[in-house]
Protein backbone atom coordinates (compact mmCIF):
# COMPACT_ATOMS: atom_id res chain seq x y z
CA MET A 1 16.05 -66.35 -24.13
CA ALA A 2 14.94 -68.63 -27.00
CA LYS A 3 11.45 -70.03 -26.91
CA SER A 4 10.84 -73.73 -27.02
CA THR A 5 8.97 -75.26 -29.99
CA ALA A 6 5.94 -75.86 -27.69
CA GLU A 7 5.87 -72.21 -26.68
CA ILE A 8 6.09 -71.04 -30.27
CA GLN A 9 3.28 -73.43 -31.33
CA LYS A 10 1.08 -72.31 -28.41
CA ARG A 11 1.51 -68.67 -29.32
CA SER A 12 0.70 -69.40 -32.96
CA ASP A 13 -2.37 -71.47 -32.04
CA ASP A 14 -3.60 -68.67 -29.71
CA LYS A 15 -3.07 -66.03 -32.38
CA ARG A 16 -5.06 -68.07 -34.89
CA GLY A 17 -7.79 -69.01 -32.40
CA VAL A 18 -7.26 -72.80 -32.75
CA LYS A 19 -7.02 -75.64 -30.18
CA THR A 20 -5.97 -79.22 -30.48
CA LYS A 21 -8.68 -81.88 -29.96
CA SER A 22 -7.73 -85.50 -29.73
CA PHE A 23 -10.13 -88.46 -29.54
CA LYS A 24 -10.39 -92.09 -30.52
CA ILE A 25 -12.84 -93.18 -33.18
CA LYS A 26 -13.50 -96.52 -34.84
CA LYS A 27 -11.18 -97.34 -37.72
CA ASP A 28 -14.02 -97.46 -40.27
CA ILE A 29 -15.07 -93.86 -39.34
CA PHE A 30 -11.41 -92.78 -39.43
CA ASP A 31 -11.11 -94.28 -42.90
CA LEU A 32 -14.31 -92.57 -44.02
CA VAL A 33 -13.01 -89.19 -42.84
CA GLU A 34 -9.84 -89.73 -44.92
CA LYS A 35 -11.81 -90.89 -47.97
CA ILE A 36 -14.28 -87.97 -47.90
CA SER A 37 -11.55 -85.36 -47.34
CA LEU A 38 -9.50 -86.82 -50.25
CA GLU A 39 -12.50 -87.01 -52.61
CA ARG A 40 -13.59 -83.46 -51.83
CA GLY A 41 -10.08 -82.00 -51.74
CA LEU A 42 -10.57 -80.64 -48.21
CA ALA A 43 -8.28 -80.83 -45.20
CA GLN A 44 -9.67 -83.25 -42.69
CA ASN A 45 -10.13 -80.50 -40.09
CA ALA A 46 -12.12 -78.43 -42.62
CA MET A 47 -14.32 -81.39 -43.48
CA ILE A 48 -14.95 -82.24 -39.81
CA THR A 49 -15.70 -78.55 -39.04
CA GLU A 50 -18.25 -78.45 -41.86
CA ALA A 51 -19.89 -81.65 -40.60
CA ILE A 52 -20.18 -80.28 -37.05
CA LEU A 53 -21.68 -77.00 -38.25
CA LEU A 54 -24.21 -78.95 -40.38
CA TYR A 55 -25.05 -81.08 -37.30
CA ALA A 56 -25.61 -77.97 -35.19
CA GLU A 57 -27.82 -76.44 -37.90
CA LYS A 58 -29.81 -79.64 -38.27
CA TYR A 59 -30.61 -79.77 -34.54
CA GLY A 60 -31.16 -76.03 -34.11
CA ILE A 61 -28.04 -75.52 -31.96
CA GLN A 62 -27.12 -71.85 -32.04
CA THR A 63 -23.46 -71.11 -32.56
CA ASP A 64 -21.15 -68.16 -33.12
CA CYS A 65 -18.84 -70.34 -35.24
CA GLN A 66 -17.92 -69.38 -38.74
């Protein structure tokens, strides 16, 4: 039986170890994320990941993240 698009995407996400996270942020912050990622040539998820890891480091939060 053929798999649905959702099933294929779930399997791919599981295999790569990624999850979807959705949240609302103020438009000016949204625009800033876009601006920084364009200026640095990074995907938005890569830029946000880097920012979160720097935040954790700044506040001494231990993490296994890479």
